[in-house]
Amino acid sequence: MKKINLAIIIIFIFVGFSCVEEKLDFETSGMVSGQIFDSKTYLPLEGVSVTTNPASGSVTTNENGEFFLENVPAGEVVVTAKRSGFSSGSVTVQVVSEEEITIEIILETSTLSFGNIDVGDQIPEDNSEDWEIDVDLQWAFSSEKYQDSLKFNLILYESDLLFEVETYSELSDTLVHVEGLSFETTYFWQVEAVYEEEVVHRSEVWSFSTKAHPEMAIFYNKKVAGFYQVFGTDVDGSFEKQLTTGSFDHFYPKVVGDGRYIGYTAFLNEVPYLYVYDTENKITNKISQHPILGYHNVGQSYCWSNDGEQLIYSYFADMYLVNRDGTGLHKVATAPAGYSFKHCDWGSTDKIVVQTVGANSYNNEVYVMDTDSFGLELLIEDIGGVVESPVFSADGGNVVYVNDYSGVNISDGMLDAQISIISISSGQSTNLTQEKEEGTNDLHPDVSLSGRYISFINEINTGDEDGDLYIMDITGTNRTLLVEGVRSCSFGS
């Protein structure tokens, strides 16, 4: 291991908190060691708090004024030393991966005589875990002088980011309520004591970690920086986690394996193909050899098998079965003459429900087929008016679908799309939509694995804007808005 020695660096009065805006890389790190001295006596200083920015922890010098910091992120790092009665000292160093750099810092006696100031008894405790994303940060302090005249600055930043998440300045209270933090994230925070706009004391740098993400149940896509990305949330919409990135659109996301495998369609040479993204191994595979196309169908006619090992997709009147890695492709079904496939769903009883559509968007049929012969059994005949997006109920005994109740047939659109449910055995259909705003459509329904909920998108019937993600009970009650600005949605399986 290489060791780099720097010339002695004398630091005089340093006031402020430095922060660099760039991404941390904790996978490459080095070490910083050194000694802290009194500028007047040049004797080692014991009990000096030494921290870095980016944060890598906090240590205190021993009786020889020595310290050692490991796992310091490679790159430009600010090392700060502070002790009551002295002005803080800082030096900027260039940390090299797997190498140790040695420095010396000399602290000047503070020109302000405040006596001993102590800030501690912090909540959350240092290195504590499983905190809510809305949290109270609080601390206690004692000062030999000006007890009632001190104010405080609180600096909060994420472990993965050098820039501050939030800074709260000139606080009279010793409690700050923070909302909207991220799940599964480590945060660092520090309190500064301030007198007449001058920082006279800095606490140690503390850390805490937020609780794990709630279970993701619903997946959807919405625009981020001009491109549709895939997100996940729970049935309460209590959080939002982005699952994909990239300078391209992800359409019609469908997820299996507890969020591990994300199916979606994306454009290649101006036509949509089916892709699978493995979130664990960060690998994307193009699955379909054919475009996902058909009458009034641009990229939406595919679904996962129950075990997540296979997918089916369609290209006009032909339906194909393929393994998750793209192997084993073969044709399994053909739509009736004059129709192409538009939508499909693989049910819990190993049945598949499919929608076919003719040259006119309002000529639709819904079929159920088994996974042995893939023979088509008619469930909803073509009676005019758009019928689309059929999905099975959790037990496989019913099919939830969209129906245009306006009674007006228009090209490539609907005026009053509502969600209905039909019994496969009896053929009896029931409308589930309640409290829908006039001039809007309820689209893209899907049923949760528990069978309790239906997720769907509500959008204006002109189709000019993305819609909003809603959830309701399987009976159509308790219609609840979860996320705004969403293109399509589905439950994970």
Protein backbone atom coordinates (compact mmCIF):
# COMPACT_ATOMS: atom_id res chain seq x y z
CA MET A 1 0.00 0.00 0.00
CA LYS A 2 1.42 3.39 -0.97
CA LYS A 3 1.72 6.19 1.58
CA ILE A 4 1.71 9.86 0.62
CA ASN A 5 3.14 12.53 2.97
CA LEU A 6 2.08 16.13 2.63
CA ALA A 7 3.95 19.14 3.86
CA ILE A 8 2.62 20.64 7.08
CA ILE A 9 -0.51 22.62 6.37
CA ILE A 10 -1.21 25.50 8.73
CA ILE A 11 -4.85 26.42 8.86
CA PHE A 12 -5.98 29.60 10.54
CA ILE A 13 -9.55 30.60 11.20
CA PHE A 14 -12.00 28.60 9.07
CA VAL A 15 -15.67 29.25 9.31
CA GLY A 16 -18.39 27.53 7.28
CA PHE A 17 -19.38 24.18 5.97
CA SER A 18 -18.06 22.92 2.66
CA CYS A 19 -20.08 20.82 0.30
CA VAL A 20 -19.28 19.53 -3.20
CA GLU A 21 -22.04 18.60 -5.64
CA GLU A 22 -21.19 15.30 -7.22
CA LYS A 23 -21.91 11.62 -6.83
CA LEU A 24 -20.12 9.63 -4.14
CA ASP A 25 -18.50 6.34 -5.04
CA PHE A 26 -18.12 4.23 -1.93
CA GLU A 27 -16.80 1.32 -3.96
CA THR A 28 -13.40 3.13 -4.25
CA SER A 29 -11.95 4.52 -1.04
CA GLY A 30 -8.67 5.34 0.65
CA MET A 31 -7.45 6.38 4.10
CA VAL A 32 -6.53 9.66 5.78
CA SER A 33 -4.36 9.82 8.89
CA GLY A 34 -2.59 12.64 10.68
CA GLN A 35 -2.02 14.78 13.76
CA ILE A 36 -3.61 17.93 15.15
CA PHE A 37 -1.50 20.60 16.94
CA ASP A 38 -2.02 23.76 19.01
CA SER A 39 -0.75 26.77 17.02
CA LYS A 40 0.69 28.47 20.12
CA THR A 41 2.46 25.57 21.83
CA TYR A 42 2.73 23.20 18.86
CA LEU A 43 1.73 20.44 21.27
CA PRO A 44 -0.58 17.67 20.11
CA LEU A 45 -4.27 18.27 20.80
CA GLU A 46 -6.31 15.44 22.31
CA GLY A 47 -10.08 15.21 21.91
CA VAL A 48 -10.28 16.96 18.53
CA SER A 49 -13.21 15.79 16.39
CA VAL A 50 -12.11 14.99 12.82
CA THR A 51 -14.64 14.55 10.01
CA THR A 52 -14.65 14.50 6.22
CA ASN A 53 -16.86 15.86 3.49
CA PRO A 54 -17.94 13.61 1.75
CA ALA A 55 -18.77 11.92 5.03
CA SER A 56 -16.86 8.79 5.98
CA GLY A 57 -17.38 8.85 9.74
CA SER A 58 -16.10 10.84 12.69
CA VAL A 59 -13.07 10.11 14.91
CA THR A 60 -11.45 11.81 17.89
CA THR A 61 -7.71 12.36 18.30
CA ASN A 62 -5.83 10.41 20.98
CA GLU A 63 -3.41 11.79 23.59
CA ASN A 64 -0.83 12.26 20.82
CA GLY A 65 -3.23 14.25 18.66
CA GLU A 66 -3.39 11.41 16.15
CA PHE A 67 -6.32 10.21 14.11
CA PHE A 68 -7.03 7.63 11.40
CA LEU A 69 -9.97 7.63 8.98
CA GLU A 70 -10.70 4.68 6.70
CA ASN A 71 -13.21 4.15 3.90
CA VAL A 72 -12.80 7.74 2.78
CA PRO A 73 -14.33 8.17 -0.72
CA ALA A 74 -11.68 8.57 -3.43
CA GLY A 75 -11.45 12.04 -4.92
CA GLU A 76 -11.41 15.53 -3.49
CA VAL A 77 -12.18 15.43 0.25
CA VAL A 78 -12.35 18.18 2.87
CA VAL A 79 -10.95 17.10 6.26
CA THR A 80 -12.21 19.23 9.17
CA ALA A 81 -10.86 19.35 12.72
CA LYS A 82 -12.73 21.07 15.57
CA ARG A 83 -12.50 21.42 19.32
CA SER A 84 -14.08 23.83 21.76
CA GLY A 85 -11.86 26.86 22.34
CA PHE A 86 -10.31 26.64 18.90
CA SER A 87 -11.34 27.80 15.48
CA SER A 88 -12.17 24.93 13.17
CA GLY A 89 -9.45 23.92 10.73
CA SER A 90 -9.96 22.33 7.35
CA VAL A 91 -7.78 21.10 4.52
CA THR A 92 -8.70 19.78 1.09
CA VAL A 93 -6.89 16.61 0.00
CA GLN A 94 -7.03 14.29 -3.00
CA VAL A 95 -7.76 10.76 -1.77
CA VAL A 96 -6.56 7.90 -3.95
CA SER A 97 -8.23 4.49 -3.91
CA GLU A 98 -6.55 2.01 -1.53
CA GLU A 99 -3.85 4.52 -0.56
CA GLU A 100 -3.19 6.38 2.70
CA ILE A 101 -2.58 10.12 2.84
CA THR A 102 -1.07 11.76 5.94
CA ILE A 103 -1.70 15.36 6.96
CA GLU A 104 -1.10 17.76 9.86
CA ILE A 105 -3.54 20.47 10.89
CA ILE A 106 -2.74 23.31 13.27
CA LEU A 107 -5.65 24.91 15.13
CA GLU A 108 -5.74 28.54 16.18
CA THR A 109 -7.20 29.51 19.52
CA SER A 110 -10.64 31.03 18.96
CA THR A 111 -10.83 34.81 19.18
CA LEU A 112 -14.27 34.42 20.80
CA SER A 113 -14.37 33.52 24.47
CA PHE A 114 -17.47 31.41 24.91
CA GLY A 115 -16.08 28.89 27.31
CA ASN A 116 -17.15 25.30 26.81
CA ILE A 117 -20.06 24.62 24.42
CA ASP A 118 -21.47 21.15 24.06
CA VAL A 119 -24.11 19.91 21.60
CA GLY A 120 -25.27 16.33 22.01
CA ASP A 121 -27.98 13.97 23.27
CA GLN A 122 -29.13 13.85 19.68
CA ILE A 123 -32.18 11.97 18.39
CA PRO A 124 -31.91 9.91 16.23
CA GLU A 125 -28.90 8.40 17.94
CA ASP A 126 -25.73 8.10 15.89
CA ASN A 127 -25.72 5.11 13.50
CA SER A 128 -29.29 4.18 14.43
CA GLU A 129 -31.54 2.45 11.90
CA ASP A 130 -35.15 1.88 10.81
CA TRP A 131 -36.34 5.48 11.11
CA GLU A 132 -39.47 6.77 9.39
CA ILE A 133 -39.10 9.02 6.33
CA ASP A 134 -40.74 11.79 8.38
CA VAL A 135 -38.56 12.31 11.45
CA ASP A 136 -37.87 14.80 14.25
CA LEU A 137 -34.19 15.73 14.54
CA GLN A 138 -33.46 17.05 18.02
CA TRP A 139 -30.51 17.80 20.25
CA ALA A 140 -29.52 19.37 23.57
CA PHE A 141 -26.78 21.91 24.32
CA SER A 142 -24.98 23.57 27.18
CA SER A 143 -22.84 26.71 27.15
CA GLU A 144 -20.88 28.47 29.90
CA LYS A 145 -21.77 31.83 28.36
CA TYR A 146 -24.61 33.25 26.27
CA GLN A 147 -26.86 30.27 26.92
CA ASP A 148 -29.90 32.20 25.76
CA SER A 149 -28.20 33.95 22.84
CA LEU A 150 -27.09 30.99 20.77
CA LYS A 151 -28.88 29.95 17.61
CA PHE A 152 -28.32 26.85 15.51
CA ASN A 153 -27.80 25.71 11.96
CA LEU A 154 -28.69 22.13 11.02
CA ILE A 155 -27.13 20.57 7.92
CA LEU A 156 -28.62 17.35 6.53
CA TYR A 157 -27.28 15.38 3.57
CA GLU A 158 -27.54 11.90 2.08
CA SER A 159 -24.87 9.24 2.16
CA ASP A 160 -24.94 8.92 -1.64
CA LEU A 161 -24.85 12.66 -2.31
CA LEU A 162 -22.40 15.37 -1.38
CA PHE A 163 -24.87 18.19 -1.75
CA GLU A 164 -27.03 19.08 1.20
CA VAL A 165 -30.55 17.73 1.30
CA GLU A 166 -31.59 20.61 3.51
CA THR A 167 -30.06 23.36 5.65
CA TYR A 168 -32.01 24.96 8.48
CA SER A 169 -30.46 28.24 9.62
CA GLU A 170 -30.68 30.53 12.65
CA LEU A 171 -32.86 28.14 14.65
CA SER A 172 -33.98 29.08 18.14
CA ASP A 173 -35.48 25.66 18.81
CA THR A 174 -33.49 22.45 19.20
CA LEU A 175 -35.94 20.33 17.17
CA VAL A 176 -36.53 20.22 13.41
CA HIS A 177 -39.26 18.16 11.78
CA VAL A 178 -38.09 16.75 8.43
CA GLU A 179 -40.49 15.17 5.92
CA GLY A 180 -40.17 13.24 2.68
CA LEU A 181 -36.84 11.49 3.16
CA SER A 182 -36.06 8.42 1.04
CA PHE A 183 -36.49 4.85 2.20
CA GLU A 184 -33.42 2.64 2.72
CA THR A 185 -31.11 5.66 2.85
CA THR A 186 -28.39 6.74 5.28
CA TYR A 187 -28.42 10.42 6.24
CA PHE A 188 -25.69 12.47 7.93
CA TRP A 189 -26.44 15.55 9.99
CA GLN A 190 -24.56 18.14 12.00
CA VAL A 191 -25.55 21.03 14.27
CA GLU A 192 -23.68 24.33 14.39
CA ALA A 193 -23.96 26.74 17.34
CA VAL A 194 -24.13 30.34 16.11
CA TYR A 195 -23.59 33.63 17.94
CA GLU A 196 -24.19 36.88 16.06
CA GLU A 197 -23.95 35.05 12.69
CA GLU A 198 -20.61 33.44 13.56
CA VAL A 199 -20.29 29.69 14.01
CA VAL A 200 -18.73 29.13 17.42
CA HIS A 201 -19.13 25.36 17.71
CA ARG A 202 -19.88 22.36 15.52
CA SER A 203 -21.23 19.08 16.77
CA GLU A 204 -19.95 15.75 15.62
CA VAL A 205 -21.38 14.43 12.36
CA TRP A 206 -24.13 11.93 13.19
CA SER A 207 -25.89 9.46 10.96
CA PHE A 208 -29.15 7.51 10.86
CA SER A 209 -30.81 5.22 8.33
CA THR A 210 -34.43 5.13 7.22
CA LYS A 211 -36.57 2.00 7.14
CA ALA A 212 -36.84 -0.37 4.20
CA HIS A 213 -39.25 0.28 1.36
CA PRO A 214 -42.77 -0.98 1.96
CA GLU A 215 -43.61 -3.82 -0.38
CA MET A 216 -44.07 -2.57 -3.93
CA ALA A 217 -47.44 -3.72 -5.26
CA ILE A 218 -48.29 -1.45 -8.21
CA PHE A 219 -45.99 -0.58 -11.09
CA TYR A 220 -46.48 2.22 -13.57
CA ASN A 221 -44.64 4.51 -15.96
CA LYS A 222 -44.45 8.27 -16.02
CA LYS A 223 -42.20 10.89 -17.55
CA VAL A 224 -38.90 11.87 -15.96
CA ALA A 225 -36.67 14.34 -17.82
CA GLY A 226 -38.60 13.72 -21.02
CA PHE A 227 -38.67 9.89 -20.93
CA TYR A 228 -41.13 7.37 -19.50
CA GLN A 229 -39.54 5.43 -16.64
CA VAL A 230 -40.93 2.59 -14.50
CA PHE A 231 -41.86 3.22 -10.87
CA GLY A 232 -43.27 1.17 -8.03
CA THR A 233 -45.47 2.03 -5.06
CA ASP A 234 -47.67 0.33 -2.46
CA VAL A 235 -51.46 0.22 -2.33
CA ASP A 236 -51.45 3.36 -0.17
CA GLY A 237 -49.20 5.35 -2.50
CA SER A 238 -47.00 6.08 0.52
CA PHE A 239 -43.77 6.12 -1.49
CA GLU A 240 -42.50 6.14 -5.04
CA LYS A 241 -39.42 4.24 -6.20
CA GLN A 242 -37.92 4.68 -9.65
CA LEU A 243 -36.85 1.33 -11.11
CA THR A 244 -35.49 2.21 -14.55
CA THR A 245 -33.30 4.90 -16.09
CA GLY A 246 -32.05 5.71 -19.57
CA SER A 247 -32.69 8.11 -22.43
CA PHE A 248 -35.56 6.12 -23.90
CA ASP A 249 -39.19 5.35 -23.11
CA HIS A 250 -40.42 2.32 -21.15
CA PHE A 251 -44.04 1.53 -22.09
CA TYR A 252 -46.62 -0.83 -20.53
CA PRO A 253 -44.49 -2.11 -17.61
CA LYS A 254 -45.42 -5.49 -16.11
CA VAL A 255 -43.39 -6.89 -13.22
CA VAL A 256 -42.82 -10.35 -11.73
CA GLY A 257 -40.52 -11.93 -9.16
CA ASP A 258 -41.14 -9.41 -6.35
CA GLY A 259 -39.98 -6.62 -8.61
CA ARG A 260 -36.92 -8.37 -10.01
CA TYR A 261 -38.02 -8.72 -13.63
CA ILE A 262 -39.59 -5.80 -15.45
CA GLY A 263 -41.22 -6.40 -18.80
CA TYR A 264 -41.79 -3.37 -20.98
CA THR A 265 -41.94 -2.35 -24.61
CA ALA A 266 -39.56 0.14 -26.20
CA PHE A 267 -39.04 1.44 -29.71
CA LEU A 268 -36.27 0.14 -31.94
CA ASN A 269 -36.13 1.51 -35.48
CA GLU A 270 -39.47 3.22 -34.81
CA VAL A 271 -41.38 0.04 -33.88
CA PRO A 272 -41.99 -1.40 -30.39
CA TYR A 273 -40.33 -4.62 -29.18
CA LEU A 274 -40.58 -6.50 -25.89
CA TYR A 275 -37.73 -6.24 -23.38
CA VAL A 276 -37.07 -7.71 -19.93
CA TYR A 277 -34.92 -5.88 -17.39
CA ASP A 278 -33.34 -7.92 -14.57
CA THR A 279 -33.09 -5.38 -11.74
CA GLU A 280 -30.81 -7.62 -9.67
CA ASN A 281 -28.14 -8.17 -12.33
CA LYS A 282 -28.80 -4.89 -14.18
CA ILE A 283 -29.22 -6.74 -17.48
CA THR A 284 -31.72 -5.92 -20.25
CA ASN A 285 -32.66 -8.47 -22.92
CA LYS A 286 -34.69 -7.92 -26.08
CA ILE A 287 -37.22 -10.79 -25.94
CA SER A 288 -39.41 -10.53 -29.03
CA GLN A 289 -38.25 -11.17 -32.56
CA HIS A 290 -41.39 -9.50 -33.87
CA PRO A 291 -42.67 -6.00 -33.17
CA ILE A 292 -45.50 -5.77 -30.62
CA LEU A 293 -48.02 -4.45 -33.14
CA GLY A 294 -51.55 -4.98 -34.42
CA TYR A 295 -54.73 -3.14 -35.19
CA HIS A 296 -54.94 -0.22 -32.70
CA ASN A 297 -52.12 -1.85 -30.74
CA VAL A 298 -48.72 -0.24 -30.36
CA GLY A 299 -46.69 -2.16 -27.81
CA GLN A 300 -49.30 -3.34 -25.32
CA SER A 301 -50.16 -6.96 -26.24
CA TYR A 302 -47.97 -9.08 -23.98
CA CYS A 303 -48.10 -10.67 -20.51
CA TRP A 304 -46.12 -12.87 -18.11
CA SER A 305 -46.82 -16.51 -17.30
CA ASN A 306 -47.76 -17.32 -13.70
CA ASP A 307 -44.28 -18.51 -12.77
CA GLY A 308 -42.51 -15.58 -14.45
CA GLU A 309 -40.51 -17.92 -16.66
CA GLN A 310 -42.30 -17.18 -19.95
CA LEU A 311 -44.14 -14.40 -21.77
CA ILE A 312 -46.68 -14.34 -24.56
CA TYR A 313 -46.89 -11.52 -27.07
CA SER A 314 -48.62 -10.86 -30.36
CA TYR A 315 -47.82 -9.49 -33.77
CA PHE A 316 -51.13 -8.74 -35.49
CA ALA A 317 -53.07 -12.06 -35.70
CA ASP A 318 -50.21 -14.26 -34.42
CA MET A 319 -49.54 -14.96 -30.75
CA TYR A 320 -46.14 -16.24 -29.59
CA LEU A 321 -44.78 -17.90 -26.44
CA VAL A 322 -41.16 -17.21 -25.46
CA ASN A 323 -38.91 -17.90 -22.48
CA ARG A 324 -37.83 -15.05 -20.26
CA ASP A 325 -34.33 -15.10 -21.78
CA GLY A 326 -35.67 -14.93 -25.33
CA THR A 327 -35.22 -18.60 -26.19
CA GLY A 328 -37.86 -21.15 -27.16
CA LEU A 329 -39.93 -18.83 -29.32
CA HIS A 330 -42.89 -20.46 -31.05
CA LYS A 331 -46.35 -19.48 -32.27
CA VAL A 332 -49.25 -20.71 -30.14
CA ALA A 333 -52.43 -19.06 -31.47
CA THR A 334 -54.00 -17.17 -34.36
CA ALA A 335 -56.76 -14.58 -34.05
CA PRO A 336 -60.03 -15.04 -35.98
CA ALA A 337 -60.06 -13.77 -39.57
CA GLY A 338 -60.17 -9.99 -39.80
CA TYR A 339 -58.95 -9.49 -36.22
CA SER A 340 -55.60 -9.07 -34.51
CA PHE A 341 -54.67 -9.51 -30.85
CA LYS A 342 -54.55 -6.36 -28.71
CA HIS A 343 -54.39 -7.44 -25.06
CA CYS A 344 -53.75 -10.56 -22.97
CA ASP A 345 -53.55 -11.71 -19.35
CA TRP A 346 -52.36 -15.04 -17.89
CA GLY A 347 -54.61 -16.06 -14.98
CA SER A 348 -53.97 -18.01 -11.80
CA THR A 349 -55.71 -21.12 -13.21
CA ASP A 350 -53.36 -21.23 -16.22
CA LYS A 351 -55.99 -19.75 -18.50
CA ILE A 352 -55.28 -16.80 -20.78
CA VAL A 353 -57.79 -14.08 -21.58
CA VAL A 354 -57.24 -12.16 -24.83
CA GLN A 355 -58.83 -9.24 -26.61
CA THR A 356 -59.04 -9.15 -30.38
CA VAL A 357 -59.78 -6.06 -32.44
CA GLY A 358 -60.75 -5.47 -36.03
CA ALA A 359 -59.82 -2.71 -38.42
CA ASN A 360 -62.25 -0.47 -36.51
CA SER A 361 -61.27 0.14 -32.88
CA TYR A 362 -64.85 -0.52 -31.75
CA ASN A 363 -64.98 -4.05 -33.20
CA ASN A 364 -63.74 -6.19 -30.30
CA GLU A 365 -64.06 -9.72 -28.97
CA VAL A 366 -62.81 -11.27 -25.74
CA TYR A 367 -61.74 -14.92 -25.58
CA VAL A 368 -60.51 -17.31 -22.91
CA MET A 369 -58.03 -20.00 -23.89
CA ASP A 370 -56.16 -22.71 -21.99
CA THR A 371 -52.39 -23.09 -22.04
CA ASP A 372 -52.47 -26.64 -23.44
CA SER A 373 -54.16 -26.25 -26.80
CA PHE A 374 -54.48 -22.44 -26.84
CA GLY A 375 -57.96 -22.89 -28.30
CA LEU A 376 -60.16 -19.79 -28.25
CA GLU A 377 -63.45 -19.80 -26.32
CA LEU A 378 -65.61 -16.70 -26.84
CA LEU A 379 -66.49 -14.77 -23.69
CA ILE A 380 -67.64 -11.36 -25.01
CA GLU A 381 -68.81 -11.09 -28.61
CA ASP A 382 -68.44 -8.14 -30.95
CA ILE A 383 -71.57 -6.08 -30.34
CA GLY A 384 -70.11 -2.70 -31.27
CA GLY A 385 -68.59 -0.28 -28.81
CA VAL A 386 -65.09 -0.58 -27.44
CA VAL A 387 -64.38 -3.46 -25.06
CA GLU A 388 -60.72 -3.76 -24.08
CA SER A 389 -58.00 -4.56 -21.51
CA PRO A 390 -59.45 -7.81 -20.07
CA VAL A 391 -57.68 -9.22 -16.99
CA PHE A 392 -58.56 -12.11 -14.69
CA SER A 393 -59.76 -11.80 -11.14
CA ALA A 394 -57.43 -13.35 -8.57
CA ASP A 395 -59.33 -16.66 -8.51
CA GLY A 396 -59.65 -16.79 -12.29
CA GLY A 397 -63.45 -16.99 -12.18
CA ASN A 398 -64.14 -13.50 -13.49
CA VAL A 399 -62.71 -11.08 -16.01
CA VAL A 400 -62.37 -7.34 -15.38
CA TYR A 401 -62.42 -5.19 -18.51
CA VAL A 402 -63.06 -1.71 -19.92
CA ASN A 403 -66.27 -0.86 -21.78
CA ASP A 404 -67.27 2.41 -23.46
CA TYR A 405 -70.71 3.29 -22.12
CA SER A 406 -71.15 6.37 -24.33
CA GLY A 407 -72.87 4.41 -27.11
CA VAL A 408 -70.89 6.44 -29.65
CA ASN A 409 -68.31 4.73 -31.84
CA ILE A 410 -65.31 6.89 -32.67
CA SER A 411 -62.01 6.03 -34.30
CA ASP A 412 -59.21 5.15 -31.87
CA GLY A 413 -60.84 6.44 -28.72
CA MET A 414 -63.61 6.26 -26.15
CA LEU A 415 -65.85 8.90 -24.62
CA ASP A 416 -67.03 7.22 -21.41
CA ALA A 417 -64.84 4.22 -20.62
CA GLN A 418 -65.82 2.45 -17.41
CA ILE A 419 -64.64 -0.71 -15.68
CA SER A 420 -66.86 -3.80 -15.58
CA ILE A 421 -66.54 -7.38 -14.35
CA ILE A 422 -68.02 -10.48 -16.02
CA SER A 423 -68.48 -13.99 -14.64
CA ILE A 424 -66.90 -16.59 -16.92
CA SER A 425 -69.40 -19.25 -15.89
CA SER A 426 -72.63 -17.23 -16.09
CA GLY A 427 -71.68 -14.44 -18.48
CA GLN A 428 -73.29 -11.90 -16.15
CA SER A 429 -71.61 -8.48 -16.27
CA THR A 430 -71.56 -5.73 -13.63
CA ASN A 431 -70.35 -2.13 -13.95
CA LEU A 432 -67.84 -1.25 -11.20
CA THR A 433 -67.03 2.39 -11.97
CA GLN A 434 -68.28 4.91 -9.43
CA GLU A 435 -67.69 8.64 -8.96
CA LYS A 436 -65.81 9.05 -12.23
CA GLU A 437 -65.47 12.63 -13.42
CA GLU A 438 -67.47 13.44 -16.55
CA GLY A 439 -65.41 13.64 -19.71
CA THR A 440 -62.84 11.10 -18.52
CA ASN A 441 -62.06 7.43 -19.16
CA ASP A 442 -61.09 4.67 -16.72
CA LEU A 443 -58.43 2.57 -18.48
CA HIS A 444 -55.82 -0.20 -18.01
CA PRO A 445 -57.40 -2.06 -15.07
CA ASP A 446 -55.49 -4.78 -13.23
CA VAL A 447 -56.38 -6.91 -10.21
CA SER A 448 -54.12 -7.42 -7.19
CA LEU A 449 -52.87 -10.90 -6.28
CA SER A 450 -55.02 -10.78 -3.16
CA GLY A 451 -58.09 -10.07 -5.30
CA ARG A 452 -58.98 -7.10 -3.12
CA TYR A 453 -58.01 -4.18 -5.34
CA ILE A 454 -58.24 -2.93 -8.91
CA SER A 455 -55.68 -0.42 -10.14
CA PHE A 456 -56.48 1.73 -13.19
CA ILE A 457 -55.69 4.97 -15.01
CA ASN A 458 -58.20 7.82 -15.26
CA GLU A 459 -57.55 10.30 -18.07
CA ILE A 460 -59.48 12.90 -20.05
CA ASN A 461 -61.31 11.33 -23.00
CA THR A 462 -59.46 13.41 -25.59
CA GLY A 463 -56.32 11.41 -24.79
CA ASP A 464 -54.23 14.59 -24.90
CA GLU A 465 -52.67 14.13 -21.47
CA ASP A 466 -51.31 11.36 -19.27
CA GLY A 467 -53.77 10.21 -16.66
CA ASP A 468 -53.70 9.56 -12.92
CA LEU A 469 -53.24 6.25 -11.12
CA TYR A 470 -56.18 5.19 -8.97
CA ILE A 471 -57.03 2.17 -6.87
CA MET A 472 -60.44 0.88 -5.80
CA ASP A 473 -61.87 -2.17 -4.08
CA ILE A 474 -62.87 -5.10 -6.29
CA THR A 475 -66.48 -4.02 -5.74
CA GLY A 476 -65.76 -0.57 -7.21
CA THR A 477 -65.89 1.26 -3.87
CA ASN A 478 -63.23 3.43 -2.18
CA ARG A 479 -61.90 5.02 -5.36
CA THR A 480 -58.58 6.60 -4.31
CA LEU A 481 -56.02 8.68 -6.20
CA LEU A 482 -52.44 7.39 -5.74
CA VAL A 483 -50.14 9.03 -8.34
CA GLU A 484 -50.64 11.81 -10.88
CA GLY A 485 -49.22 11.94 -14.40
CA VAL A 486 -49.15 8.21 -15.21
CA ARG A 487 -49.33 6.45 -18.60
CA SER A 488 -50.22 2.84 -17.66
CA CYS A 489 -50.17 0.58 -14.61
CA SER A 490 -50.30 -3.00 -13.40
CA PHE A 491 -50.01 -5.03 -10.21
CA GLY A 492 -46.88 -7.09 -9.68
CA SER A 493 -47.16 -10.86 -9.84
